[in-house]
Structure formats: C-alpha cells, structure tokens
Amino acid sequence: MEALRPLDALNKARNSKVIVELKNNKRYVGKLVAFDIHINTVLDDAEEYVDGELKRKLGTLFIRGDTITIISPQ
C-alpha cells in the first residue's frame, strides 16, 4: 500500500463528513468541499459545537487553515 501524504488524505475525505477542530477549542462538523495548500477549508452543511454541544448550524463555512489543529474524517 502506498503511503498517503497529508493532502492525499484530505483529498480522500473530500465530499465526506469531517470534524474540524480549531485552536480556540471550537469544533465544526460538515462535508469537506474544498481545501488548498494552506489547508484553508470549505465545509458544507456545517455545524458549530462548543464544549461538545451544538451551538448553531452554519451552512457553507470557510475556515482559515492556520486556525485548524485537527481534521478528522467521520
């Protein structure tokens, strides 16, 4: 099996549900639509969670890559 590079792993998760955690401890769950080499990320059907609790539904969301600590496919 060929080793995946970080962007390959993200590409594999495209159009799938992902969890994105930020440096400010917020968590967003949504469908990964797009990203770039800076890991700037676009989610569709995004929901914001704070302390594990759903705070709001946001729809389409752009997240700056330098604020992200974790992106995890669900």
Protein backbone atom coordinates (compact mmCIF):
# COMPACT_ATOMS: atom_id res chain seq x y z
CA MET A 1 0.00 0.00 0.00
CA GLU A 2 1.28 3.42 -0.96
CA ALA A 3 1.87 5.93 1.85
CA LEU A 4 -0.52 8.89 1.82
CA ARG A 5 0.73 12.43 2.04
CA PRO A 6 -1.33 14.85 4.15
CA LEU A 7 -3.05 16.46 1.16
CA ASP A 8 -3.77 12.99 -0.29
CA ALA A 9 -5.55 12.05 2.94
CA LEU A 10 -7.62 15.25 2.74
CA ASN A 11 -8.40 14.59 -0.90
CA LYS A 12 -9.68 11.14 0.04
CA ALA A 13 -12.02 12.78 2.58
CA ARG A 14 -13.43 15.25 0.02
CA ASN A 15 -17.26 15.13 -0.19
CA SER A 16 -17.33 13.20 3.11
CA LYS A 17 -18.29 14.31 6.60
CA VAL A 18 -15.33 15.59 8.63
CA ILE A 19 -14.68 17.02 12.08
CA VAL A 20 -12.53 20.16 12.15
CA GLU A 21 -11.10 21.30 15.50
CA LEU A 22 -9.68 24.79 15.92
CA LYS A 23 -7.12 26.38 18.22
CA ASN A 24 -9.96 28.17 20.06
CA ASN A 25 -11.47 24.75 21.01
CA LYS A 26 -14.43 25.14 18.67
CA ARG A 27 -15.38 22.13 16.58
CA TYR A 28 -17.11 22.12 13.22
CA VAL A 29 -18.72 19.12 11.56
CA GLY A 30 -19.65 19.21 7.89
CA LYS A 31 -19.00 17.90 4.41
CA LEU A 32 -15.49 18.73 3.17
CA VAL A 33 -15.98 20.54 -0.14
CA ALA A 34 -12.59 22.12 -0.83
CA PHE A 35 -9.18 22.96 0.62
CA ASP A 36 -5.91 24.45 -0.60
CA ILE A 37 -2.21 24.01 0.20
CA HIS A 38 -2.62 26.24 3.29
CA ILE A 39 -5.43 23.93 4.49
CA ASN A 40 -7.92 26.78 4.14
CA THR A 41 -11.06 24.67 4.16
CA VAL A 42 -14.65 24.92 2.94
CA LEU A 43 -17.37 22.85 4.63
CA ASP A 44 -20.99 22.45 3.53
CA ASP A 45 -23.86 21.81 5.96
CA ALA A 46 -21.51 22.92 8.75
CA GLU A 47 -22.49 22.80 12.41
CA GLU A 48 -20.59 24.51 15.23
CA TYR A 49 -20.00 22.68 18.51
CA VAL A 50 -18.65 24.27 21.69
CA ASP A 51 -17.81 22.01 24.63
CA GLY A 52 -19.45 19.13 22.76
CA GLU A 53 -22.76 20.96 22.44
CA LEU A 54 -24.35 22.01 19.14
CA LYS A 55 -24.37 25.83 19.12
CA ARG A 56 -25.57 26.63 15.60
CA LYS A 57 -25.99 25.39 12.06
CA LEU A 58 -23.95 27.48 9.64
CA GLY A 59 -24.42 26.04 6.16
CA THR A 60 -21.37 26.77 3.99
CA LEU A 61 -18.32 27.72 6.05
CA PHE A 62 -14.78 28.88 5.18
CA ILE A 63 -12.13 28.12 7.81
CA ARG A 64 -8.63 29.61 7.71
CA GLY A 65 -6.02 26.88 7.67
CA ASP A 66 -3.81 28.44 10.33
CA THR A 67 -6.63 28.17 12.90
CA ILE A 68 -7.07 24.39 12.42
CA THR A 69 -5.49 21.84 14.75
CA ILE A 70 -7.25 18.64 13.57
CA ILE A 71 -9.26 17.47 10.56
CA SER A 72 -10.72 14.01 11.00
CA PRO A 73 -12.91 12.04 8.59
CA GLN A 74 -16.05 10.76 10.32
